[in-house]
Each structure stands twice: as C-alpha cells, then as structure tokens.
PDB file of N, CA and C in Angstrom:
ATOM      1  N   UNK A   1      38.872 -67.901 -24.625  1.00  0.00           N
ATOM      2  CA  UNK A   1      39.512 -66.674 -24.198  1.00  0.00           C
ATOM      3  C   UNK A   1      40.895 -66.946 -23.603  1.00  0.00           C
ATOM      4  N   UNK A   2      41.174 -68.173 -23.234  1.00  0.00           N
ATOM      5  CA  UNK A   2      42.471 -68.501 -22.635  1.00  0.00           C
ATOM      6  C   UNK A   2      43.625 -68.361 -23.603  1.00  0.00           C
ATOM      7  N   UNK A   3      43.361 -68.494 -24.908  1.00  0.00           N
ATOM      8  CA  UNK A   3      44.446 -68.420 -25.877  1.00  0.00           C
ATOM      9  C   UNK A   3      44.833 -66.975 -26.196  1.00  0.00           C
ATOM     10  N   UNK A   4      44.063 -65.993 -25.774  1.00  0.00           N
ATOM     11  CA  UNK A   4      44.354 -64.588 -26.054  1.00  0.00           C
ATOM     12  C   UNK A   4      45.269 -63.987 -24.991  1.00  0.00           C
ATOM     13  N   UNK A   5      45.185 -64.465 -23.769  1.00  0.00           N
ATOM     14  CA  UNK A   5      45.967 -63.903 -22.675  1.00  0.00           C
ATOM     15  C   UNK A   5      47.478 -63.966 -22.910  1.00  0.00           C
ATOM     16  N   UNK A   6      48.032 -65.094 -23.369  1.00  0.00           N
ATOM     17  CA  UNK A   6      49.489 -65.108 -23.616  1.00  0.00           C
ATOM     18  C   UNK A   6      49.914 -64.098 -24.683  1.00  0.00           C
ATOM     19  N   UNK A   7      49.055 -63.876 -25.673  1.00  0.00           N
ATOM     20  CA  UNK A   7      49.386 -62.914 -26.721  1.00  0.00           C
ATOM     21  C   UNK A   7      49.483 -61.512 -26.123  1.00  0.00           C
ATOM     22  N   UNK A   8      48.532 -61.156 -25.264  1.00  0.00           N
ATOM     23  CA  UNK A   8      48.568 -59.843 -24.632  1.00  0.00           C
ATOM     24  C   UNK A   8      49.772 -59.701 -23.714  1.00  0.00           C
ATOM     25  N   UNK A   9      50.099 -60.745 -22.990  1.00  0.00           N
ATOM     26  CA  UNK A   9      51.232 -60.688 -22.064  1.00  0.00           C
ATOM     27  C   UNK A   9      52.542 -60.525 -22.836  1.00  0.00           C
ATOM     28  N   UNK A  10      52.739 -61.334 -23.877  1.00  0.00           N
ATOM     29  CA  UNK A  10      53.966 -61.239 -24.675  1.00  0.00           C
ATOM     30  C   UNK A  10      54.050 -59.877 -25.361  1.00  0.00           C
ATOM     31  N   UNK A  11      52.937 -59.402 -25.899  1.00  0.00           N
ATOM     32  CA  UNK A  11      52.927 -58.093 -26.548  1.00  0.00           C
ATOM     33  C   UNK A  11      53.247 -56.968 -25.585  1.00  0.00           C
ATOM     34  N   UNK A  12      52.664 -57.016 -24.402  1.00  0.00           N
ATOM     35  CA  UNK A  12      52.915 -55.985 -23.394  1.00  0.00           C
ATOM     36  C   UNK A  12      54.374 -55.987 -22.958  1.00  0.00           C
ATOM     37  N   UNK A  13      54.929 -57.155 -22.714  1.00  0.00           N
ATOM     38  CA  UNK A  13      56.333 -57.245 -22.307  1.00  0.00           C
ATOM     39  C   UNK A  13      57.240 -56.736 -23.423  1.00  0.00           C
ATOM     40  N   UNK A  14      56.964 -57.126 -24.669  1.00  0.00           N
ATOM     41  CA  UNK A  14      57.786 -56.702 -25.801  1.00  0.00           C
ATOM     42  C   UNK A  14      57.773 -55.181 -25.943  1.00  0.00           C
ATOM     43  N   UNK A  15      56.590 -54.572 -25.939  1.00  0.00           N
ATOM     44  CA  UNK A  15      56.508 -53.135 -26.132  1.00  0.00           C
ATOM     45  C   UNK A  15      57.068 -52.360 -24.937  1.00  0.00           C
ATOM     46  N   UNK A  16      56.967 -52.912 -23.750  1.00  0.00           N
ATOM     47  CA  UNK A  16      57.566 -52.265 -22.583  1.00  0.00           C
ATOM     48  C   UNK A  16      59.083 -52.260 -22.692  1.00  0.00           C
ATOM     49  N   UNK A  17      59.664 -53.390 -23.057  1.00  0.00           N
ATOM     50  CA  UNK A  17      61.122 -53.468 -23.224  1.00  0.00           C
ATOM     51  C   UNK A  17      61.575 -52.555 -24.354  1.00  0.00           C
ATOM     52  N   UNK A  18      60.843 -52.537 -25.469  1.00  0.00           N
ATOM     53  CA  UNK A  18      61.198 -51.673 -26.594  1.00  0.00           C
ATOM     54  C   UNK A  18      61.138 -50.203 -26.197  1.00  0.00           C
ATOM     55  N   UNK A  19      60.142 -49.817 -25.413  1.00  0.00           N
ATOM     56  CA  UNK A  19      60.019 -48.429 -24.970  1.00  0.00           C
ATOM     57  C   UNK A  19      61.171 -48.047 -24.041  1.00  0.00           C
ATOM     58  N   UNK A  20      61.544 -48.934 -23.148  1.00  0.00           N
ATOM     59  CA  UNK A  20      62.655 -48.656 -22.237  1.00  0.00           C
ATOM     60  C   UNK A  20      63.954 -48.502 -23.015  1.00  0.00           C
ATOM     61  N   UNK A  21      64.198 -49.386 -23.975  1.00  0.00           N
ATOM     62  CA  UNK A  21      65.420 -49.297 -24.788  1.00  0.00           C
ATOM     63  C   UNK A  21      65.430 -48.000 -25.598  1.00  0.00           C
ATOM     64  N   UNK A  22      64.282 -47.643 -26.175  1.00  0.00           N
ATOM     65  CA  UNK A  22      64.203 -46.402 -26.947  1.00  0.00           C
ATOM     66  C   UNK A  22      64.492 -45.186 -26.070  1.00  0.00           C
ATOM     67  N   UNK A  23      63.950 -45.162 -24.869  1.00  0.00           N
ATOM     68  CA  UNK A  23      64.172 -44.042 -23.957  1.00  0.00           C
ATOM     69  C   UNK A  23      65.642 -43.924 -23.580  1.00  0.00           C
ATOM     70  N   UNK A  24      66.283 -45.044 -23.294  1.00  0.00           N
ATOM     71  CA  UNK A  24      67.705 -45.033 -22.932  1.00  0.00           C
ATOM     72  C   UNK A  24      68.553 -44.547 -24.098  1.00  0.00           C
ATOM     73  N   UNK A  25      68.273 -45.038 -25.305  1.00  0.00           N
ATOM     74  CA  UNK A  25      69.062 -44.625 -26.470  1.00  0.00           C
ATOM     75  C   UNK A  25      68.863 -43.147 -26.799  1.00  0.00           C
ATOM     76  N   UNK A  26      67.651 -42.638 -26.644  1.00  0.00           N
ATOM     77  CA  UNK A  26      67.417 -41.207 -26.879  1.00  0.00           C
ATOM     78  C   UNK A  26      68.178 -40.367 -25.860  1.00  0.00           C
ATOM     79  N   UNK A  27      68.187 -40.798 -24.616  1.00  0.00           N
ATOM     80  CA  UNK A  27      68.912 -40.069 -23.582  1.00  0.00           C
ATOM     81  C   UNK A  27      70.408 -40.034 -23.888  1.00  0.00           C
ATOM     82  N   UNK A  28      70.957 -41.171 -24.292  1.00  0.00           N
ATOM     83  CA  UNK A  28      72.389 -41.227 -24.606  1.00  0.00           C
ATOM     84  C   UNK A  28      72.726 -40.329 -25.789  1.00  0.00           C
ATOM     85  N   UNK A  29      71.863 -40.313 -26.801  1.00  0.00           N
ATOM     86  CA  UNK A  29      72.089 -39.461 -27.968  1.00  0.00           C
ATOM     87  C   UNK A  29      72.050 -37.984 -27.578  1.00  0.00           C
ATOM     88  N   UNK A  30      71.051 -37.617 -26.797  1.00  0.00           N
ATOM     89  CA  UNK A  30      70.937 -36.224 -26.360  1.00  0.00           C
ATOM     90  C   UNK A  30      72.146 -35.816 -25.523  1.00  0.00           C
ATOM     91  N   UNK A  31      72.579 -36.692 -24.639  1.00  0.00           N
ATOM     92  CA  UNK A  31      73.733 -36.377 -23.792  1.00  0.00           C
ATOM     93  C   UNK A  31      74.991 -36.172 -24.623  1.00  0.00           C
ATOM     94  N   UNK A  32      75.204 -37.024 -25.619  1.00  0.00           N
ATOM     95  CA  UNK A  32      76.392 -36.891 -26.459  1.00  0.00           C
ATOM     96  C   UNK A  32      76.359 -35.611 -27.286  1.00  0.00           C
ATOM     97  N   UNK A  33      75.199 -35.257 -27.799  1.00  0.00           N
ATOM     98  CA  UNK A  33      75.109 -34.040 -28.604  1.00  0.00           C
ATOM     99  C   UNK A  33      75.355 -32.812 -27.744  1.00  0.00           C
ATOM    100  N   UNK A  34      74.771 -32.775 -26.559  1.00  0.00           N
ATOM    101  CA  UNK A  34      74.964 -31.626 -25.674  1.00  0.00           C
ATOM    102  C   UNK A  34      76.411 -31.557 -25.196  1.00  0.00           C
ATOM    103  N   UNK A  35      77.009 -32.683 -24.863  1.00  0.00           N
ATOM    104  CA  UNK A  35      78.396 -32.676 -24.375  1.00  0.00           C
ATOM    105  C   UNK A  35      79.402 -32.393 -25.486  1.00  0.00           C
ATOM    106  N   UNK A  36      79.004 -32.553 -26.748  1.00  0.00           N
ATOM    107  CA  UNK A  36      79.936 -32.271 -27.844  1.00  0.00           C
ATOM    108  C   UNK A  36      80.086 -30.780 -28.091  1.00  0.00           C
ATOM    109  N   UNK A  37      79.235 -29.971 -27.457  1.00  0.00           N
ATOM    110  CA  UNK A  37      79.410 -28.531 -27.551  1.00  0.00           C
ATOM    111  C   UNK A  37      78.486 -27.851 -28.541  1.00  0.00           C
ATOM    112  N   UNK A  38      77.522 -28.538 -29.086  1.00  0.00           N
ATOM    113  CA  UNK A  38      76.574 -27.893 -29.986  1.00  0.00           C
ATOM    114  C   UNK A  38      75.688 -26.953 -29.173  1.00  0.00           C
ATOM    115  N   UNK A  39      75.655 -25.712 -29.579  1.00  0.00           N
ATOM    116  CA  UNK A  39      74.921 -24.722 -28.795  1.00  0.00           C
ATOM    117  C   UNK A  39      73.758 -24.107 -29.567  1.00  0.00           C
ATOM    118  N   UNK A  40      73.378 -24.699 -30.663  1.00  0.00           N
ATOM    119  CA  UNK A  40      72.242 -24.177 -31.411  1.00  0.00           C
ATOM    120  C   UNK A  40      70.980 -24.326 -30.560  1.00  0.00           C
ATOM    121  N   UNK A  41      70.320 -23.213 -30.289  1.00  0.00           N
ATOM    122  CA  UNK A  41      69.182 -23.216 -29.375  1.00  0.00           C
ATOM    123  C   UNK A  41      68.013 -24.041 -29.917  1.00  0.00           C
ATOM    124  N   UNK A  42      67.767 -23.950 -31.211  1.00  0.00           N
ATOM    125  CA  UNK A  42      66.665 -24.721 -31.806  1.00  0.00           C
ATOM    126  C   UNK A  42      66.924 -26.226 -31.702  1.00  0.00           C
ATOM    127  N   UNK A  43      68.173 -26.617 -31.920  1.00  0.00           N
ATOM    128  CA  UNK A  43      68.530 -28.033 -31.841  1.00  0.00           C
ATOM    129  C   UNK A  43      68.324 -28.564 -30.433  1.00  0.00           C
ATOM    130  N   UNK A  44      68.751 -27.819 -29.455  1.00  0.00           N
ATOM    131  CA  UNK A  44      68.611 -28.270 -28.061  1.00  0.00           C
ATOM    132  C   UNK A  44      67.143 -28.340 -27.670  1.00  0.00           C
ATOM    133  N   UNK A  45      66.340 -27.355 -28.067  1.00  0.00           N
ATOM    134  CA  UNK A  45      64.909 -27.401 -27.770  1.00  0.00           C
ATOM    135  C   UNK A  45      64.257 -28.596 -28.467  1.00  0.00           C
ATOM    136  N   UNK A  46      64.679 -28.871 -29.686  1.00  0.00           N
ATOM    137  CA  UNK A  46      64.124 -30.012 -30.414  1.00  0.00           C
ATOM    138  C   UNK A  46      64.502 -31.342 -29.791  1.00  0.00           C
ATOM    139  N   UNK A  47      65.707 -31.416 -29.234  1.00  0.00           N
ATOM    140  CA  UNK A  47      66.144 -32.655 -28.605  1.00  0.00           C
ATOM    141  C   UNK A  47      65.365 -32.957 -27.341  1.00  0.00           C
ATOM    142  N   UNK A  48      65.041 -31.925 -26.590  1.00  0.00           N
ATOM    143  CA  UNK A  48      64.388 -32.142 -25.317  1.00  0.00           C
ATOM    144  C   UNK A  48      62.877 -31.967 -25.368  1.00  0.00           C
ATOM    145  N   UNK A  49      62.345 -31.734 -26.541  1.00  0.00           N
ATOM    146  CA  UNK A  49      60.886 -31.687 -26.685  1.00  0.00           C
ATOM    147  C   UNK A  49      60.355 -33.108 -26.593  1.00  0.00           C
ATOM    148  N   UNK A  50      59.259 -33.305 -25.882  1.00  0.00           N
ATOM    149  CA  UNK A  50      58.763 -34.660 -25.661  1.00  0.00           C
ATOM    150  C   UNK A  50      58.086 -35.231 -26.895  1.00  0.00           C
ATOM    151  N   UNK A  51      57.270 -34.438 -27.566  1.00  0.00           N
ATOM    152  CA  UNK A  51      56.577 -34.933 -28.748  1.00  0.00           C
ATOM    153  C   UNK A  51      56.463 -33.805 -29.761  1.00  0.00           C
ATOM    154  N   UNK A  52      56.397 -34.205 -31.028  1.00  0.00           N
ATOM    155  CA  UNK A  52      56.212 -33.246 -32.096  1.00  0.00           C
ATOM    156  C   UNK A  52      54.725 -32.925 -32.186  1.00  0.00           C
ATOM    157  N   UNK A  53      54.390 -31.654 -32.356  1.00  0.00           N
ATOM    158  CA  UNK A  53      53.001 -31.238 -32.467  1.00  0.00           C
ATOM    159  C   UNK A  53      52.454 -31.690 -33.812  1.00  0.00           C
ATOM    160  N   UNK A  54      51.477 -32.561 -33.787  1.00  0.00           N
ATOM    161  CA  UNK A  54      50.865 -33.048 -35.011  1.00  0.00           C
ATOM    162  C   UNK A  54      49.431 -32.551 -35.045  1.00  0.00           C
ATOM    163  N   UNK A  55      49.166 -31.621 -35.942  1.00  0.00           N
ATOM    164  CA  UNK A  55      47.832 -31.033 -35.970  1.00  0.00           C
ATOM    165  C   UNK A  55      46.806 -31.958 -36.595  1.00  0.00           C
ATOM    166  N   UNK A  56      47.243 -33.052 -37.195  1.00  0.00           N
ATOM    167  CA  UNK A  56      46.315 -34.005 -37.802  1.00  0.00           C
ATOM    168  C   UNK A  56      46.117 -35.251 -36.942  1.00  0.00           C
ATOM    169  N   UNK A  57      46.575 -35.236 -35.716  1.00  0.00           N
ATOM    170  CA  UNK A  57      46.508 -36.418 -34.865  1.00  0.00           C
ATOM    171  C   UNK A  57      45.070 -36.861 -34.614  1.00  0.00           C
ATOM    172  N   UNK A  58      44.183 -35.916 -34.317  1.00  0.00           N
ATOM    173  CA  UNK A  58      42.784 -36.279 -34.068  1.00  0.00           C
ATOM    174  C   UNK A  58      42.134 -36.836 -35.329  1.00  0.00           C
ATOM    175  N   UNK A  59      42.469 -36.256 -36.470  1.00  0.00           N
ATOM    176  CA  UNK A  59      41.937 -36.759 -37.740  1.00  0.00           C
ATOM    177  C   UNK A  59      42.394 -38.194 -37.982  1.00  0.00           C
ATOM    178  N   UNK A  60      43.679 -38.450 -37.743  1.00  0.00           N
ATOM    179  CA  UNK A  60      44.217 -39.796 -37.960  1.00  0.00           C
ATOM    180  C   UNK A  60      43.493 -40.823 -37.100  1.00  0.00           C
ATOM    181  N   UNK A  61      43.364 -40.543 -35.813  1.00  0.00           N
ATOM    182  CA  UNK A  61      42.743 -41.514 -34.920  1.00  0.00           C
ATOM    183  C   UNK A  61      41.250 -41.640 -35.187  1.00  0.00           C
ATOM    184  N   UNK A  62      40.604 -40.550 -35.586  1.00  0.00           N
ATOM    185  CA  UNK A  62      39.183 -40.627 -35.929  1.00  0.00           C
ATOM    186  C   UNK A  62      38.942 -41.510 -37.139  1.00  0.00           C
ATOM    187  N   UNK A  63      39.741 -41.310 -38.185  1.00  0.00           N
ATOM    188  CA  UNK A  63      39.591 -42.139 -39.391  1.00  0.00           C
ATOM    189  C   UNK A  63      39.951 -43.582 -39.095  1.00  0.00           C
ATOM    190  N   UNK A  64      41.011 -43.796 -38.336  1.00  0.00           N
ATOM    191  CA  UNK A  64      41.434 -45.158 -38.007  1.00  0.00           C
ATOM    192  C   UNK A  64      40.357 -45.890 -37.212  1.00  0.00           C
ATOM    193  N   UNK A  65      39.788 -45.235 -36.213  1.00  0.00           N
ATOM    194  CA  UNK A  65      38.728 -45.872 -35.423  1.00  0.00           C
ATOM    195  C   UNK A  65      37.465 -46.074 -36.244  1.00  0.00           C
ATOM    196  N   UNK A  66      37.160 -45.155 -37.162  1.00  0.00           N
ATOM    197  CA  UNK A  66      36.009 -45.322 -38.041  1.00  0.00           C
ATOM    198  C   UNK A  66      36.148 -46.579 -38.893  1.00  0.00           C
ATOM    199  N   UNK A  67      37.303 -46.754 -39.531  1.00  0.00           N
ATOM    200  CA  UNK A  67      37.500 -47.917 -40.376  1.00  0.00           C
ATOM    201  C   UNK A  67      37.602 -49.204 -39.566  1.00  0.00           C
ATOM    202  N   UNK A  68      38.175 -49.139 -38.373  1.00  0.00           N
ATOM    203  CA  UNK A  68      38.205 -50.325 -37.511  1.00  0.00           C
ATOM    204  C   UNK A  68      36.790 -50.718 -37.115  1.00  0.00           C
ATOM    205  N   UNK A  69      35.951 -49.742 -36.823  1.00  0.00           N
ATOM    206  CA  UNK A  69      34.554 -50.023 -36.499  1.00  0.00           C
ATOM    207  C   UNK A  69      33.796 -50.596 -37.676  1.00  0.00           C
ATOM    208  N   UNK A  70      34.049 -50.060 -38.867  1.00  0.00           N
ATOM    209  CA  UNK A  70      33.409 -50.602 -40.072  1.00  0.00           C
ATOM    210  C   UNK A  70      33.843 -52.051 -40.280  1.00  0.00           C
ATOM    211  N   UNK A  71      35.117 -52.334 -40.028  1.00  0.00           N
ATOM    212  CA  UNK A  71      35.599 -53.709 -40.147  1.00  0.00           C
ATOM    213  C   UNK A  71      34.895 -54.643 -39.179  1.00  0.00           C
ATOM    214  N   UNK A  72      34.663 -54.193 -37.950  1.00  0.00           N
ATOM    215  CA  UNK A  72      33.949 -55.026 -36.974  1.00  0.00           C
ATOM    216  C   UNK A  72      32.490 -55.222 -37.380  1.00  0.00           C
ATOM    217  N   UNK A  73      31.878 -54.198 -37.957  1.00  0.00           N
ATOM    218  CA  UNK A  73      30.493 -54.341 -38.438  1.00  0.00           C
ATOM    219  C   UNK A  73      30.433 -55.345 -39.572  1.00  0.00           C
ATOM    220  N   UNK A  74      31.395 -55.288 -40.492  1.00  0.00           N
ATOM    221  CA  UNK A  74      31.427 -56.245 -41.611  1.00  0.00           C
ATOM    222  C   UNK A  74      31.594 -57.663 -41.074  1.00  0.00           C
ATOM    223  N   UNK A  75      32.387 -57.823 -40.021  1.00  0.00           N
ATOM    224  CA  UNK A  75      32.599 -59.159 -39.452  1.00  0.00           C
ATOM    225  C   UNK A  75      31.313 -59.767 -38.899  1.00  0.00           C
ATOM    226  N   UNK A  76      30.372 -58.929 -38.499  1.00  0.00           N
ATOM    227  CA  UNK A  76      29.092 -59.451 -38.009  1.00  0.00           C
ATOM    228  C   UNK A  76      28.300 -60.148 -39.101  1.00  0.00           C
ATOM    229  N   UNK A  77      28.522 -59.755 -40.350  1.00  0.00           N
ATOM    230  CA  UNK A  77      27.734 -60.289 -41.457  1.00  0.00           C
ATOM    231  C   UNK A  77      28.480 -61.312 -42.305  1.00  0.00           C
ATOM    232  N   UNK A  78      29.742 -61.552 -42.015  1.00  0.00           N
ATOM    233  CA  UNK A  78      30.534 -62.523 -42.772  1.00  0.00           C
ATOM    234  C   UNK A  78      30.612 -63.821 -41.971  1.00  0.00           C
ATOM    235  N   UNK A  79      30.155 -64.928 -42.557  1.00  0.00           N
ATOM    236  CA  UNK A  79      30.268 -66.204 -41.835  1.00  0.00           C
ATOM    237  C   UNK A  79      31.714 -66.733 -41.882  1.00  0.00           C
ATOM    238  N   UNK A  80      32.186 -67.205 -40.756  1.00  0.00           N
ATOM    239  CA  UNK A  80      33.535 -67.768 -40.695  1.00  0.00           C
ATOM    240  C   UNK A  80      33.591 -68.790 -39.569  1.00  0.00           C
ATOM    241  N   UNK A  81      34.556 -69.692 -39.665  1.00  0.00           N
ATOM    242  CA  UNK A  81      34.769 -70.717 -38.649  1.00  0.00           C
ATOM    243  C   UNK A  81      35.474 -70.103 -37.439  1.00  0.00           C
ATOM    244  N   UNK A  82      35.371 -70.756 -36.303  1.00  0.00           N
ATOM    245  CA  UNK A  82      35.965 -70.265 -35.065  1.00  0.00           C
ATOM    246  C   UNK A  82      37.482 -70.142 -35.169  1.00  0.00           C
ATOM    247  N   UNK A  83      38.146 -71.118 -35.792  1.00  0.00           N
ATOM    248  CA  UNK A  83      39.606 -71.126 -35.881  1.00  0.00           C
ATOM    249  C   UNK A  83      40.134 -70.432 -37.131  1.00  0.00           C
ATOM    250  N   UNK A  84      39.286 -69.794 -37.889  1.00  0.00           N
ATOM    251  CA  UNK A  84      39.681 -69.169 -39.152  1.00  0.00           C
ATOM    252  C   UNK A  84      40.436 -67.857 -38.914  1.00  0.00           C
ATOM    253  N   UNK A  85      41.456 -67.593 -39.744  1.00  0.00           N
ATOM    254  CA  UNK A  85      42.156 -66.306 -39.648  1.00  0.00           C
ATOM    255  C   UNK A  85      41.432 -65.188 -40.412  1.00  0.00           C
ATOM    256  N   UNK A  86      40.286 -65.487 -40.998  1.00  0.00           N
ATOM    257  CA  UNK A  86      39.552 -64.502 -41.785  1.00  0.00           C
ATOM    258  C   UNK A  86      39.224 -63.223 -41.020  1.00  0.00           C
ATOM    259  N   UNK A  87      38.758 -63.274 -39.767  1.00  0.00           N
ATOM    260  CA  UNK A  87      38.461 -62.018 -39.060  1.00  0.00           C
ATOM    261  C   UNK A  87      39.678 -61.105 -38.900  1.00  0.00           C
ATOM    262  N   UNK A  88      40.839 -61.700 -38.664  1.00  0.00           N
ATOM    263  CA  UNK A  88      42.051 -60.897 -38.529  1.00  0.00           C
ATOM    264  C   UNK A  88      42.398 -60.214 -39.843  1.00  0.00           C
ATOM    265  N   UNK A  89      42.227 -60.937 -40.938  1.00  0.00           N
ATOM    266  CA  UNK A  89      42.503 -60.372 -42.258  1.00  0.00           C
ATOM    267  C   UNK A  89      41.548 -59.249 -42.603  1.00  0.00           C
ATOM    268  N   UNK A  90      40.273 -59.444 -42.313  1.00  0.00           N
ATOM    269  CA  UNK A  90      39.286 -58.405 -42.614  1.00  0.00           C
ATOM    270  C   UNK A  90      39.546 -57.165 -41.763  1.00  0.00           C
ATOM    271  N   UNK A  91      39.759 -57.347 -40.485  1.00  0.00           N
ATOM    272  CA  UNK A  91      39.997 -56.190 -39.604  1.00  0.00           C
ATOM    273  C   UNK A  91      41.300 -55.488 -39.974  1.00  0.00           C
ATOM    274  N   UNK A  92      42.341 -56.262 -40.262  1.00  0.00           N
ATOM    275  CA  UNK A  92      43.612 -55.660 -40.677  1.00  0.00           C
ATOM    276  C   UNK A  92      43.477 -54.876 -41.973  1.00  0.00           C
ATOM    277  N   UNK A  93      42.684 -55.399 -42.907  1.00  0.00           N
ATOM    278  CA  UNK A  93      42.468 -54.715 -44.176  1.00  0.00           C
ATOM    279  C   UNK A  93      41.746 -53.388 -43.966  1.00  0.00           C
ATOM    280  N   UNK A  94      40.728 -53.377 -43.128  1.00  0.00           N
ATOM    281  CA  UNK A  94      39.999 -52.139 -42.889  1.00  0.00           C
ATOM    282  C   UNK A  94      40.861 -51.117 -42.151  1.00  0.00           C
ATOM    283  N   UNK A  95      41.692 -51.555 -41.227  1.00  0.00           N
ATOM    284  CA  UNK A  95      42.592 -50.626 -40.536  1.00  0.00           C
ATOM    285  C   UNK A  95      43.610 -50.052 -41.517  1.00  0.00           C
ATOM    286  N   UNK A  96      44.144 -50.899 -42.409  1.00  0.00           N
ATOM    287  CA  UNK A  96      45.079 -50.423 -43.426  1.00  0.00           C
ATOM    288  C   UNK A  96      44.395 -49.425 -44.361  1.00  0.00           C
ATOM    289  N   UNK A  97      43.146 -49.686 -44.727  1.00  0.00           N
ATOM    290  CA  UNK A  97      42.402 -48.735 -45.555  1.00  0.00           C
ATOM    291  C   UNK A  97      42.235 -47.403 -44.829  1.00  0.00           C
ATOM    292  N   UNK A  98      42.008 -47.462 -43.528  1.00  0.00           N
ATOM    293  CA  UNK A  98      41.908 -46.233 -42.747  1.00  0.00           C
ATOM    294  C   UNK A  98      43.195 -45.422 -42.791  1.00  0.00           C
ATOM    295  N   UNK A  99      44.339 -46.097 -42.670  1.00  0.00           N
ATOM    296  CA  UNK A  99      45.614 -45.396 -42.759  1.00  0.00           C
ATOM    297  C   UNK A  99      45.816 -44.799 -44.153  1.00  0.00           C
ATOM    298  N   UNK A 100      45.431 -45.543 -45.192  1.00  0.00           N
ATOM    299  CA  UNK A 100      45.583 -45.029 -46.557  1.00  0.00           C
ATOM    300  C   UNK A 100      44.688 -43.812 -46.795  1.00  0.00           C
ATOM    301  N   UNK A 101      43.460 -43.861 -46.307  1.00  0.00           N
ATOM    302  CA  UNK A 101      42.565 -42.707 -46.455  1.00  0.00           C
ATOM    303  C   UNK A 101      43.149 -41.501 -45.730  1.00  0.00           C
ATOM    304  N   UNK A 102      43.665 -41.707 -44.540  1.00  0.00           N
ATOM    305  CA  UNK A 102      44.297 -40.613 -43.794  1.00  0.00           C
ATOM    306  C   UNK A 102      45.483 -40.050 -44.566  1.00  0.00           C
ATOM    307  N   UNK A 103      46.323 -40.921 -45.114  1.00  0.00           N
ATOM    308  CA  UNK A 103      47.497 -40.482 -45.875  1.00  0.00           C
ATOM    309  C   UNK A 103      47.080 -39.621 -47.054  1.00  0.00           C
ATOM    310  N   UNK A 104      46.083 -40.067 -47.815  1.00  0.00           N
ATOM    311  CA  UNK A 104      45.665 -39.312 -48.982  1.00  0.00           C
ATOM    312  C   UNK A 104      44.964 -38.011 -48.597  1.00  0.00           C
ATOM    313  N   UNK A 105      44.287 -37.988 -47.474  1.00  0.00           N
ATOM    314  CA  UNK A 105      43.647 -36.747 -47.031  1.00  0.00           C
ATOM    315  C   UNK A 105      44.687 -35.712 -46.600  1.00  0.00           C
ATOM    316  N   UNK A 106      45.728 -36.154 -45.925  1.00  0.00           N
ATOM    317  CA  UNK A 106      46.743 -35.221 -45.438  1.00  0.00           C
ATOM    318  C   UNK A 106      47.639 -34.737 -46.575  1.00  0.00           C
ATOM    319  N   UNK A 107      47.995 -35.628 -47.483  1.00  0.00           N
ATOM    320  CA  UNK A 107      48.920 -35.266 -48.557  1.00  0.00           C
ATOM    321  C   UNK A 107      48.228 -34.731 -49.802  1.00  0.00           C
ATOM    322  N   UNK A 108      46.943 -34.616 -49.799  1.00  0.00           N
ATOM    323  CA  UNK A 108      46.250 -34.039 -50.939  1.00  0.00           C
ATOM    324  C   UNK A 108      45.834 -35.078 -51.946  1.00  0.00           C
ATOM    325  N   UNK A 109      46.533 -35.142 -53.041  1.00  0.00           N
ATOM    326  CA  UNK A 109      46.152 -36.017 -54.149  1.00  0.00           C
ATOM    327  C   UNK A 109      46.778 -37.396 -53.994  1.00  0.00           C
ATOM    328  N   UNK A 110      46.139 -38.429 -54.544  1.00  0.00           N
ATOM    329  CA  UNK A 110      46.755 -39.766 -54.549  1.00  0.00           C
ATOM    330  C   UNK A 110      48.052 -39.749 -55.366  1.00  0.00           C
ATOM    331  N   UNK A 111      48.914 -40.702 -55.103  1.00  0.00           N
ATOM    332  CA  UNK A 111      50.235 -40.735 -55.719  1.00  0.00           C
ATOM    333  C   UNK A 111      50.174 -40.893 -57.232  1.00  0.00           C
ATOM    334  N   UNK A 112      49.133 -41.505 -57.768  1.00  0.00           N
ATOM    335  CA  UNK A 112      49.043 -41.744 -59.212  1.00  0.00           C
ATOM    336  C   UNK A 112      48.679 -40.506 -60.002  1.00  0.00           C
ATOM    337  N   UNK A 113      48.122 -39.487 -59.356  1.00  0.00           N
ATOM    338  CA  UNK A 113      47.725 -38.278 -60.063  1.00  0.00           C
ATOM    339  C   UNK A 113      48.881 -37.294 -60.110  1.00  0.00           C
ATOM    340  N   UNK A 114      49.053 -36.704 -61.286  1.00  0.00           N
ATOM    341  CA  UNK A 114      50.114 -35.707 -61.450  1.00  0.00           C
ATOM    342  C   UNK A 114      49.503 -34.304 -61.438  1.00  0.00           C
ATOM    343  N   UNK A 115      50.191 -33.353 -60.874  1.00  0.00           N
ATOM    344  CA  UNK A 115      49.671 -31.979 -60.908  1.00  0.00           C
ATOM    345  C   UNK A 115      49.690 -31.432 -62.326  1.00  0.00           C
ATOM    346  N   UNK A 116      48.676 -30.667 -62.657  1.00  0.00           N
ATOM    347  CA  UNK A 116      48.592 -30.119 -64.025  1.00  0.00           C
ATOM    348  C   UNK A 116      49.155 -28.732 -64.112  1.00  0.00           C
TER     349      UNK A 116
END
C-alpha cells in the first residue's frame, strides 16, 4: 500500500493546481469580456453561470459506476501477478466501455449506422 500514496499525493496536487489555474483564467476572460462593453444579457448570464445543466448527468455516472463495478467483479475471477498491469487495463477497458455505452445512449444510434 506504500506505493499508492505518492500517486494519490501527486495526483491531488496536480488537479488542485490545474483547478486553480482554470479558475483564474476563467475570471480573467470574464473580466475582459465584461470590460469590453458587451452587454448581451444571455452572454453575461452564461459567463457567470457556475455549471451547465446536464440532464443526463445521473445517467452518465450510473452507467460509469456500473461498468466500473463489472470490471472489479471480472478482476476477482481473472488470475494475475501482483506486479502485473493487467488489472489496470481491465478496469480501464470497462470504464471506457461505460463511457461508450453512455455516448451511444445519449446520441441515439451508433456512428456506423446511417439514418434511412
């Protein structure tokens, strides 16, 4: 378990710094747009809105957690060595499948099918 702690620490520091930089850059962009004299009410409301309303957010996280759970269940039955990267590959594959299923559910038909 000692080898996992540095990964979490580096990841947490990286994402914290990235979030701070993103917040500062968004603030600067909003300030410049407002100070340039744009008075469109919809634009200003959109700039200062905290998050976009996503009506499929619960569906996305439900499907993602379902496939992540299926990946963990599959890992219980697959033999692998302690130092093997196989568990990461299997879990990553199932999470990616979850995102693909969500994409196809939200957008309707798969990309290969043409409307008739």
